[in-house]
């Protein structure tokens, strides 16, 4: 089941004495994050906060929330995750949220063999998928067209075309 409220970032510290907060941005880009007029402080959308201003600061964002105008009010929000409703975002055809891929089964497109489930996706020059194998081991593969055949989050699976050794035990027997 796909979550209705998705994580956008985390309030990590106060900034100044007028209630501004510094946030880690967990979205693909800053402009996406800045596009919201409100966030929620819980994954069920019960606690809404209105945005007064969001501005960049390096890889972070400085966030001013309406009604949060002192350091003490801001300090009470440090550590909170910011959520946005999925319904407010229209994705391009063929794209999905990373949150929708976590927990999906990783399945061989040719044989149907299940290798494990997606435990994490690290973004970089190309996405790096972390797979918790059926055997309890952890495997990694880059999200490039050579390996990543099709994303099917609605069906709870990702189809891959692995190379020999990709989902096999390492020679040194490393186990996490």
N, C-alpha and C. Protein backbone atom coordinates (compact mmCIF):
# COMPACT_ATOMS: atom_id res chain seq x y z
N UNK A 1 0.84 -1.19 0.00
CA UNK A 1 0.00 0.00 0.00
C UNK A 1 0.88 1.25 0.00
N UNK A 2 0.59 2.17 -0.88
CA UNK A 2 1.37 3.37 -0.99
C UNK A 2 0.96 4.38 0.08
N UNK A 3 1.95 5.01 0.68
CA UNK A 3 1.71 5.99 1.74
C UNK A 3 1.08 7.25 1.15
N UNK A 4 0.16 7.85 1.90
CA UNK A 4 -0.47 9.08 1.46
C UNK A 4 0.40 10.30 1.74
N UNK A 5 1.19 10.25 2.82
CA UNK A 5 2.07 11.36 3.17
C UNK A 5 3.51 10.88 3.07
N UNK A 6 4.32 11.64 2.33
CA UNK A 6 5.70 11.25 2.06
C UNK A 6 6.67 12.24 2.69
N UNK A 7 7.84 11.75 3.05
CA UNK A 7 8.86 12.57 3.70
C UNK A 7 9.49 13.53 2.71
N UNK A 8 9.61 14.80 3.12
CA UNK A 8 10.24 15.83 2.29
C UNK A 8 11.58 16.25 2.85
N UNK A 9 11.74 16.13 4.16
CA UNK A 9 12.97 16.56 4.80
C UNK A 9 12.84 16.50 6.31
N UNK A 10 13.87 17.01 6.97
CA UNK A 10 13.89 16.97 8.43
C UNK A 10 14.41 18.29 8.97
N UNK A 11 13.75 18.81 9.99
CA UNK A 11 14.20 20.03 10.67
C UNK A 11 15.33 19.63 11.61
N UNK A 12 16.52 20.16 11.38
CA UNK A 12 17.69 19.67 12.12
C UNK A 12 18.23 20.62 13.18
N UNK A 13 17.98 21.92 13.03
CA UNK A 13 18.45 22.87 14.03
C UNK A 13 17.76 24.21 13.81
N UNK A 14 17.90 25.08 14.80
CA UNK A 14 17.38 26.44 14.65
C UNK A 14 18.41 27.27 13.89
N UNK A 15 17.96 28.41 13.39
CA UNK A 15 18.86 29.32 12.67
C UNK A 15 18.48 30.74 13.09
N UNK A 16 19.32 31.36 13.87
CA UNK A 16 19.02 32.71 14.35
C UNK A 16 18.06 32.68 15.52
N UNK A 17 17.54 33.87 15.86
CA UNK A 17 16.69 33.99 17.05
C UNK A 17 15.24 34.29 16.72
N UNK A 18 14.89 34.32 15.44
CA UNK A 18 13.53 34.69 15.03
C UNK A 18 12.68 33.51 14.59
N UNK A 19 13.09 32.30 14.94
CA UNK A 19 12.25 31.13 14.66
C UNK A 19 12.54 30.39 13.38
N UNK A 20 13.56 30.81 12.65
CA UNK A 20 13.89 30.11 11.41
C UNK A 20 14.54 28.77 11.74
N UNK A 21 14.30 27.79 10.88
CA UNK A 21 14.82 26.44 11.08
C UNK A 21 15.65 26.01 9.87
N UNK A 22 16.65 25.20 10.13
CA UNK A 22 17.45 24.61 9.05
C UNK A 22 16.92 23.21 8.81
N UNK A 23 16.72 22.87 7.55
CA UNK A 23 16.15 21.57 7.20
C UNK A 23 17.04 20.83 6.21
N UNK A 24 17.18 19.52 6.43
CA UNK A 24 17.76 18.64 5.42
C UNK A 24 16.67 18.44 4.36
N UNK A 25 17.03 18.57 3.11
CA UNK A 25 16.06 18.40 2.02
C UNK A 25 16.22 16.99 1.46
N UNK A 26 15.17 16.19 1.54
CA UNK A 26 15.21 14.81 1.07
C UNK A 26 14.56 14.64 -0.30
N UNK A 27 14.22 15.72 -0.94
CA UNK A 27 13.60 15.67 -2.27
C UNK A 27 14.69 15.68 -3.34
N UNK A 28 14.32 15.35 -4.55
CA UNK A 28 15.28 15.34 -5.66
C UNK A 28 15.94 16.70 -5.86
N UNK A 29 15.17 17.76 -5.69
CA UNK A 29 15.77 19.09 -5.85
C UNK A 29 15.09 20.09 -4.94
N UNK A 30 15.79 21.20 -4.73
CA UNK A 30 15.32 22.23 -3.82
C UNK A 30 14.00 22.85 -4.27
N UNK A 31 13.84 23.06 -5.57
CA UNK A 31 12.63 23.70 -6.09
C UNK A 31 11.38 22.88 -5.78
N UNK A 32 11.50 21.56 -5.82
CA UNK A 32 10.37 20.71 -5.47
C UNK A 32 10.00 20.96 -4.00
N UNK A 33 10.99 20.97 -3.13
CA UNK A 33 10.79 21.21 -1.70
C UNK A 33 10.16 22.58 -1.47
N UNK A 34 10.68 23.58 -2.15
CA UNK A 34 10.21 24.95 -1.96
C UNK A 34 8.79 25.14 -2.50
N UNK A 35 8.30 24.24 -3.32
CA UNK A 35 6.99 24.38 -3.93
C UNK A 35 5.80 24.16 -2.99
N UNK A 36 6.05 23.76 -1.76
CA UNK A 36 4.94 23.48 -0.85
C UNK A 36 4.60 24.69 0.01
N UNK A 37 3.31 24.94 0.19
CA UNK A 37 2.84 26.02 1.04
C UNK A 37 2.60 25.54 2.47
N UNK A 38 2.58 24.23 2.63
CA UNK A 38 2.40 23.65 3.96
C UNK A 38 3.03 22.27 3.99
N UNK A 39 3.40 21.87 5.19
CA UNK A 39 3.91 20.52 5.45
C UNK A 39 3.12 19.95 6.62
N UNK A 40 3.34 18.68 6.86
CA UNK A 40 2.74 18.01 8.01
C UNK A 40 3.86 17.44 8.86
N UNK A 41 3.65 17.40 10.16
CA UNK A 41 4.69 16.94 11.09
C UNK A 41 4.50 15.48 11.49
N UNK A 42 3.60 14.80 10.80
CA UNK A 42 3.38 13.38 11.08
C UNK A 42 2.98 12.69 9.78
N UNK A 43 3.17 11.40 9.74
CA UNK A 43 2.93 10.65 8.50
C UNK A 43 1.45 10.37 8.23
N UNK A 44 0.56 10.84 9.10
CA UNK A 44 -0.88 10.68 8.87
C UNK A 44 -1.55 12.00 8.49
N UNK A 45 -0.79 13.08 8.42
CA UNK A 45 -1.34 14.37 8.02
C UNK A 45 -2.22 15.03 9.07
N UNK A 46 -1.94 14.79 10.32
CA UNK A 46 -2.76 15.37 11.40
C UNK A 46 -2.27 16.74 11.84
N UNK A 47 -0.95 16.97 11.82
CA UNK A 47 -0.39 18.22 12.32
C UNK A 47 0.18 19.02 11.17
N UNK A 48 -0.55 20.07 10.77
CA UNK A 48 -0.17 20.89 9.62
C UNK A 48 0.57 22.14 10.08
N UNK A 49 1.62 22.50 9.31
CA UNK A 49 2.32 23.76 9.54
C UNK A 49 2.37 24.51 8.21
N UNK A 50 2.12 25.82 8.27
CA UNK A 50 2.14 26.63 7.06
C UNK A 50 3.52 27.25 6.86
N UNK A 51 3.94 27.25 5.62
CA UNK A 51 5.25 27.80 5.26
C UNK A 51 5.11 29.29 4.98
N UNK A 52 5.99 30.08 5.62
CA UNK A 52 6.06 31.51 5.32
C UNK A 52 7.14 31.75 4.26
N UNK A 53 8.27 31.03 4.39
CA UNK A 53 9.37 31.21 3.44
C UNK A 53 10.31 30.01 3.50
N UNK A 54 10.85 29.66 2.35
CA UNK A 54 11.91 28.65 2.26
C UNK A 54 12.99 29.22 1.36
N UNK A 55 14.23 29.20 1.85
CA UNK A 55 15.33 29.67 1.04
C UNK A 55 16.50 28.71 1.15
N UNK A 56 17.32 28.63 0.12
CA UNK A 56 18.43 27.68 0.14
C UNK A 56 19.58 28.15 1.03
N UNK A 57 20.28 27.19 1.59
CA UNK A 57 21.54 27.45 2.28
C UNK A 57 22.44 26.24 2.04
N UNK A 58 23.24 26.31 1.00
CA UNK A 58 24.07 25.17 0.63
C UNK A 58 23.18 24.00 0.23
N UNK A 59 23.42 22.84 0.84
CA UNK A 59 22.59 21.65 0.57
C UNK A 59 21.35 21.59 1.46
N UNK A 60 21.21 22.56 2.31
CA UNK A 60 20.10 22.61 3.25
C UNK A 60 19.10 23.67 2.81
N UNK A 61 18.04 23.81 3.60
CA UNK A 61 17.05 24.86 3.38
C UNK A 61 16.80 25.57 4.70
N UNK A 62 16.60 26.87 4.62
CA UNK A 62 16.18 27.64 5.78
C UNK A 62 14.68 27.84 5.66
N UNK A 63 13.96 27.37 6.68
CA UNK A 63 12.50 27.33 6.63
C UNK A 63 11.93 28.24 7.71
N UNK A 64 11.02 29.12 7.30
CA UNK A 64 10.27 29.94 8.24
C UNK A 64 8.82 29.46 8.18
N UNK A 65 8.29 29.07 9.33
CA UNK A 65 6.92 28.60 9.42
C UNK A 65 6.05 29.67 10.07
N UNK A 66 4.85 29.84 9.58
CA UNK A 66 3.94 30.82 10.16
C UNK A 66 3.67 30.46 11.62
N UNK A 67 3.74 31.48 12.47
CA UNK A 67 3.49 31.27 13.90
C UNK A 67 4.71 30.83 14.68
N UNK A 68 5.79 30.51 14.01
CA UNK A 68 7.03 30.12 14.68
C UNK A 68 7.97 31.32 14.55
N UNK A 69 7.98 32.17 15.60
CA UNK A 69 8.71 33.43 15.49
C UNK A 69 9.73 33.64 16.61
N UNK A 70 9.98 32.59 17.38
CA UNK A 70 11.02 32.68 18.43
C UNK A 70 11.90 31.44 18.37
N UNK A 71 13.07 31.56 18.95
CA UNK A 71 13.97 30.42 18.98
C UNK A 71 13.35 29.26 19.77
N UNK A 72 12.65 29.57 20.85
CA UNK A 72 12.03 28.51 21.66
C UNK A 72 10.97 27.74 20.87
N UNK A 73 10.15 28.46 20.10
CA UNK A 73 9.15 27.77 19.28
C UNK A 73 9.82 26.92 18.21
N UNK A 74 10.89 27.43 17.63
CA UNK A 74 11.62 26.68 16.61
C UNK A 74 12.30 25.46 17.23
N UNK A 75 12.91 25.64 18.39
CA UNK A 75 13.62 24.55 19.06
C UNK A 75 12.68 23.36 19.32
N UNK A 76 11.41 23.64 19.58
CA UNK A 76 10.44 22.56 19.84
C UNK A 76 10.19 21.71 18.60
N UNK A 77 10.55 22.21 17.42
CA UNK A 77 10.32 21.48 16.17
C UNK A 77 11.56 20.75 15.65
N UNK A 78 12.70 21.02 16.25
CA UNK A 78 13.94 20.37 15.81
C UNK A 78 13.80 18.85 15.96
N UNK A 79 14.21 18.15 14.92
CA UNK A 79 14.11 16.68 14.92
C UNK A 79 12.85 16.17 14.23
N UNK A 80 11.92 17.06 13.94
CA UNK A 80 10.67 16.66 13.28
C UNK A 80 10.90 16.44 11.78
N UNK A 81 10.22 15.46 11.24
CA UNK A 81 10.24 15.20 9.80
C UNK A 81 9.10 15.97 9.17
N UNK A 82 9.35 16.53 7.99
CA UNK A 82 8.33 17.25 7.24
C UNK A 82 7.75 16.31 6.18
N UNK A 83 6.43 16.24 6.13
CA UNK A 83 5.74 15.37 5.17
C UNK A 83 4.89 16.22 4.24
N UNK A 84 4.66 15.71 3.04
CA UNK A 84 3.75 16.35 2.10
C UNK A 84 2.76 15.30 1.60
N UNK A 85 1.54 15.73 1.23
CA UNK A 85 0.56 14.77 0.72
C UNK A 85 0.85 14.40 -0.73
N UNK A 86 0.85 13.12 -0.99
CA UNK A 86 1.08 12.60 -2.35
C UNK A 86 0.11 13.24 -3.34
N UNK A 87 -1.09 13.51 -2.90
CA UNK A 87 -2.13 14.03 -3.79
C UNK A 87 -1.81 15.42 -4.34
N UNK A 88 -0.86 16.13 -3.74
CA UNK A 88 -0.50 17.47 -4.21
C UNK A 88 0.57 17.44 -5.30
N UNK A 89 1.04 16.25 -5.65
CA UNK A 89 2.13 16.16 -6.63
C UNK A 89 1.70 15.32 -7.81
N UNK A 90 1.94 15.83 -9.00
CA UNK A 90 1.67 15.06 -10.21
C UNK A 90 3.02 14.69 -10.82
N UNK A 91 3.32 13.40 -10.85
CA UNK A 91 4.59 12.92 -11.39
C UNK A 91 4.50 12.74 -12.90
N UNK A 92 5.66 12.87 -13.54
CA UNK A 92 5.72 12.60 -14.97
C UNK A 92 5.49 11.11 -15.21
N UNK A 93 4.99 10.80 -16.38
CA UNK A 93 4.76 9.40 -16.77
C UNK A 93 6.06 8.60 -16.63
N UNK A 94 5.95 7.44 -16.04
CA UNK A 94 7.11 6.56 -15.89
C UNK A 94 7.99 6.85 -14.70
N UNK A 95 7.61 7.80 -13.86
CA UNK A 95 8.39 8.09 -12.66
C UNK A 95 7.59 7.73 -11.42
N UNK A 96 8.29 7.57 -10.32
CA UNK A 96 7.62 7.25 -9.05
C UNK A 96 8.46 7.79 -7.90
N UNK A 97 7.91 7.77 -6.72
CA UNK A 97 8.63 8.19 -5.53
C UNK A 97 9.50 7.04 -5.04
N UNK A 98 10.67 7.37 -4.52
CA UNK A 98 11.56 6.35 -3.95
C UNK A 98 10.83 5.59 -2.84
N UNK A 99 10.03 6.29 -2.06
CA UNK A 99 9.30 5.64 -0.97
C UNK A 99 8.42 4.50 -1.48
N UNK A 100 7.96 4.59 -2.73
CA UNK A 100 7.11 3.55 -3.30
C UNK A 100 7.91 2.31 -3.70
N UNK A 101 9.23 2.46 -3.84
CA UNK A 101 10.08 1.34 -4.24
C UNK A 101 10.64 0.56 -3.05
N UNK A 102 10.74 1.23 -1.91
CA UNK A 102 11.24 0.56 -0.71
C UNK A 102 10.25 -0.55 -0.33
N UNK A 103 10.76 -1.74 -0.15
CA UNK A 103 9.91 -2.88 0.18
C UNK A 103 9.46 -3.68 -1.03
N UNK A 104 9.72 -3.18 -2.23
CA UNK A 104 9.37 -3.93 -3.44
C UNK A 104 10.29 -5.15 -3.59
N UNK A 105 9.74 -6.23 -4.13
CA UNK A 105 10.56 -7.40 -4.43
C UNK A 105 11.40 -7.12 -5.66
N UNK A 106 12.64 -7.63 -5.63
CA UNK A 106 13.54 -7.52 -6.77
C UNK A 106 13.46 -8.86 -7.50
N UNK A 107 12.96 -8.84 -8.74
CA UNK A 107 12.64 -10.05 -9.48
C UNK A 107 13.41 -10.08 -10.81
N UNK A 108 13.98 -11.23 -11.12
CA UNK A 108 14.67 -11.42 -12.40
C UNK A 108 13.64 -11.35 -13.52
N UNK A 109 13.83 -10.42 -14.46
CA UNK A 109 12.88 -10.22 -15.56
C UNK A 109 12.80 -11.44 -16.47
N UNK A 110 13.87 -12.21 -16.55
CA UNK A 110 13.89 -13.37 -17.44
C UNK A 110 13.37 -14.64 -16.81
N UNK A 111 13.74 -14.87 -15.54
CA UNK A 111 13.39 -16.14 -14.90
C UNK A 111 12.29 -16.05 -13.86
N UNK A 112 12.01 -14.86 -13.37
CA UNK A 112 11.01 -14.70 -12.31
C UNK A 112 11.55 -14.97 -10.92
N UNK A 113 12.84 -15.26 -10.81
CA UNK A 113 13.45 -15.53 -9.50
C UNK A 113 13.44 -14.27 -8.66
N UNK A 114 13.04 -14.41 -7.38
CA UNK A 114 13.02 -13.29 -6.44
C UNK A 114 14.36 -13.27 -5.70
N UNK A 115 15.05 -12.13 -5.77
CA UNK A 115 16.35 -12.00 -5.13
C UNK A 115 16.26 -11.41 -3.74
N UNK A 116 15.22 -10.67 -3.45
CA UNK A 116 15.06 -10.03 -2.15
C UNK A 116 14.15 -8.82 -2.27
N UNK A 117 14.26 -7.91 -1.31
CA UNK A 117 13.44 -6.71 -1.32
C UNK A 117 14.32 -5.47 -1.23
N UNK A 118 13.85 -4.39 -1.80
CA UNK A 118 14.59 -3.14 -1.76
C UNK A 118 14.54 -2.60 -0.34
N UNK A 119 15.72 -2.40 0.26
CA UNK A 119 15.81 -1.88 1.61
C UNK A 119 16.09 -0.38 1.61
N UNK A 120 16.78 0.09 0.56
CA UNK A 120 17.14 1.51 0.51
C UNK A 120 17.56 1.85 -0.92
N UNK A 121 17.48 3.13 -1.24
CA UNK A 121 17.97 3.64 -2.51
C UNK A 121 18.75 4.90 -2.20
N UNK A 122 20.03 4.88 -2.55
CA UNK A 122 20.89 6.04 -2.33
C UNK A 122 21.03 6.78 -3.65
N UNK A 123 20.76 8.07 -3.61
CA UNK A 123 20.84 8.86 -4.84
C UNK A 123 22.23 9.45 -5.01
N UNK A 124 22.69 9.44 -6.25
CA UNK A 124 23.98 10.00 -6.60
C UNK A 124 24.01 10.18 -8.10
N UNK A 125 25.19 9.99 -8.70
CA UNK A 125 25.28 10.07 -10.16
C UNK A 125 24.27 9.12 -10.79
N UNK A 126 24.10 7.97 -10.18
CA UNK A 126 23.01 7.05 -10.51
C UNK A 126 22.53 6.47 -9.18
N UNK A 127 21.28 6.09 -9.13
CA UNK A 127 20.75 5.53 -7.89
C UNK A 127 21.44 4.20 -7.60
N UNK A 128 21.69 3.96 -6.31
CA UNK A 128 22.26 2.69 -5.87
C UNK A 128 21.20 1.98 -5.02
N UNK A 129 20.76 0.83 -5.50
CA UNK A 129 19.73 0.05 -4.82
C UNK A 129 20.38 -0.90 -3.82
N UNK A 130 19.87 -0.89 -2.58
CA UNK A 130 20.30 -1.83 -1.56
C UNK A 130 19.19 -2.87 -1.44
N UNK A 131 19.57 -4.13 -1.62
CA UNK A 131 18.60 -5.22 -1.62
C UNK A 131 18.90 -6.16 -0.46
N UNK A 132 17.91 -6.42 0.35
CA UNK A 132 18.03 -7.42 1.42
C UNK A 132 17.62 -8.74 0.79
N UNK A 133 18.61 -9.63 0.63
CA UNK A 133 18.39 -10.88 -0.08
C UNK A 133 17.54 -11.87 0.68
N UNK A 134 17.00 -12.81 -0.07
CA UNK A 134 16.22 -13.91 0.51
C UNK A 134 17.08 -14.71 1.48
N UNK A 135 18.39 -14.69 1.27
CA UNK A 135 19.32 -15.44 2.11
C UNK A 135 19.81 -14.63 3.31
N UNK A 136 19.27 -13.41 3.50
CA UNK A 136 19.66 -12.57 4.63
C UNK A 136 20.83 -11.65 4.33
N UNK A 137 21.45 -11.83 3.19
CA UNK A 137 22.58 -10.98 2.81
C UNK A 137 22.10 -9.68 2.18
N UNK A 138 23.01 -8.71 2.13
CA UNK A 138 22.72 -7.44 1.49
C UNK A 138 23.47 -7.36 0.18
N UNK A 139 22.76 -6.95 -0.87
CA UNK A 139 23.33 -6.81 -2.20
C UNK A 139 23.08 -5.40 -2.71
N UNK A 140 23.88 -4.99 -3.66
CA UNK A 140 23.77 -3.65 -4.23
C UNK A 140 23.79 -3.74 -5.75
N UNK A 141 23.02 -2.86 -6.39
CA UNK A 141 23.14 -2.74 -7.84
C UNK A 141 22.80 -1.32 -8.25
N UNK A 142 23.47 -0.82 -9.27
CA UNK A 142 23.19 0.55 -9.73
C UNK A 142 21.90 0.58 -10.55
N UNK A 143 21.16 1.66 -10.38
CA UNK A 143 19.90 1.81 -11.12
C UNK A 143 20.14 2.33 -12.52
N UNK A 144 20.80 1.52 -13.32
CA UNK A 144 21.09 1.89 -14.72
C UNK A 144 20.32 0.95 -15.63
N UNK A 145 20.05 1.38 -16.86
CA UNK A 145 19.24 0.57 -17.78
C UNK A 145 19.76 -0.85 -18.03
N UNK A 146 21.06 -1.06 -17.92
CA UNK A 146 21.61 -2.40 -18.14
C UNK A 146 21.07 -3.41 -17.12
N UNK A 147 20.78 -2.97 -15.90
CA UNK A 147 20.33 -3.87 -14.84
C UNK A 147 18.86 -3.66 -14.46
N UNK A 148 18.41 -2.43 -14.49
CA UNK A 148 17.06 -2.08 -14.05
C UNK A 148 16.13 -2.12 -15.25
N UNK A 149 15.34 -3.18 -15.33
CA UNK A 149 14.47 -3.40 -16.49
C UNK A 149 13.18 -2.59 -16.39
N UNK A 150 12.47 -2.72 -15.24
CA UNK A 150 11.17 -2.04 -15.11
C UNK A 150 10.81 -1.85 -13.64
N UNK A 151 10.30 -0.67 -13.32
CA UNK A 151 9.80 -0.37 -11.98
C UNK A 151 8.29 -0.60 -11.98
N UNK A 152 7.82 -1.44 -11.08
CA UNK A 152 6.39 -1.76 -10.97
C UNK A 152 5.94 -1.60 -9.52
N UNK A 153 6.00 -0.39 -8.96
CA UNK A 153 5.65 -0.24 -7.54
C UNK A 153 4.20 -0.60 -7.23
N UNK A 154 3.28 -0.41 -8.18
CA UNK A 154 1.88 -0.77 -7.94
C UNK A 154 1.72 -2.27 -7.74
N UNK A 155 2.64 -3.04 -8.35
CA UNK A 155 2.62 -4.50 -8.21
C UNK A 155 3.58 -4.97 -7.13
N UNK A 156 4.32 -4.03 -6.52
CA UNK A 156 5.25 -4.37 -5.44
C UNK A 156 6.51 -5.07 -5.93
N UNK A 157 6.96 -4.74 -7.15
CA UNK A 157 8.16 -5.40 -7.64
C UNK A 157 8.97 -4.50 -8.56
N UNK A 158 10.23 -4.87 -8.68
CA UNK A 158 11.17 -4.24 -9.60
C UNK A 158 11.78 -5.37 -10.42
N UNK A 159 11.71 -5.22 -11.73
CA UNK A 159 12.27 -6.24 -12.62
C UNK A 159 13.71 -5.85 -12.96
N UNK A 160 14.62 -6.83 -12.83
CA UNK A 160 16.03 -6.59 -13.11
C UNK A 160 16.58 -7.63 -14.08
N UNK A 161 17.68 -7.28 -14.73
CA UNK A 161 18.42 -8.23 -15.57
C UNK A 161 19.85 -8.26 -15.01
N UNK A 162 20.08 -9.11 -14.01
CA UNK A 162 21.38 -9.11 -13.34
C UNK A 162 22.48 -9.77 -14.17
N UNK A 163 23.70 -9.40 -13.85
CA UNK A 163 24.86 -10.08 -14.43
C UNK A 163 25.27 -11.18 -13.46
N UNK A 164 25.99 -12.19 -13.92
CA UNK A 164 26.43 -13.26 -13.01
C UNK A 164 27.19 -12.68 -11.81
N UNK A 165 26.83 -13.15 -10.63
CA UNK A 165 27.48 -12.73 -9.40
C UNK A 165 26.81 -11.57 -8.69
N UNK A 166 25.88 -10.89 -9.35
CA UNK A 166 25.26 -9.70 -8.75
C UNK A 166 24.49 -10.04 -7.46
N UNK A 167 23.79 -11.15 -7.46
CA UNK A 167 23.01 -11.54 -6.29
C UNK A 167 23.49 -12.87 -5.72
N UNK A 168 24.79 -13.06 -5.76
CA UNK A 168 25.38 -14.28 -5.21
C UNK A 168 26.29 -13.92 -4.06
N UNK A 169 26.57 -14.90 -3.23
CA UNK A 169 27.42 -14.70 -2.07
C UNK A 169 28.80 -14.24 -2.52
N UNK A 170 29.32 -13.24 -1.81
CA UNK A 170 30.67 -12.75 -2.11
C UNK A 170 31.69 -13.84 -1.80
N UNK A 171 32.81 -13.81 -2.48
CA UNK A 171 33.85 -14.84 -2.33
C UNK A 171 34.37 -14.93 -0.92
N UNK A 172 34.38 -13.80 -0.19
CA UNK A 172 34.91 -13.83 1.18
C UNK A 172 33.86 -14.22 2.21
N UNK A 173 32.63 -14.45 1.76
CA UNK A 173 31.56 -14.89 2.67
C UNK A 173 31.03 -13.77 3.56
N UNK A 174 31.24 -12.53 3.16
CA UNK A 174 30.77 -11.39 3.94
C UNK A 174 29.27 -11.47 4.14
N UNK A 175 28.82 -11.31 5.35
CA UNK A 175 27.38 -11.32 5.65
C UNK A 175 27.08 -10.20 6.63
N UNK A 176 26.05 -9.44 6.33
CA UNK A 176 25.65 -8.35 7.23
C UNK A 176 24.62 -8.82 8.20
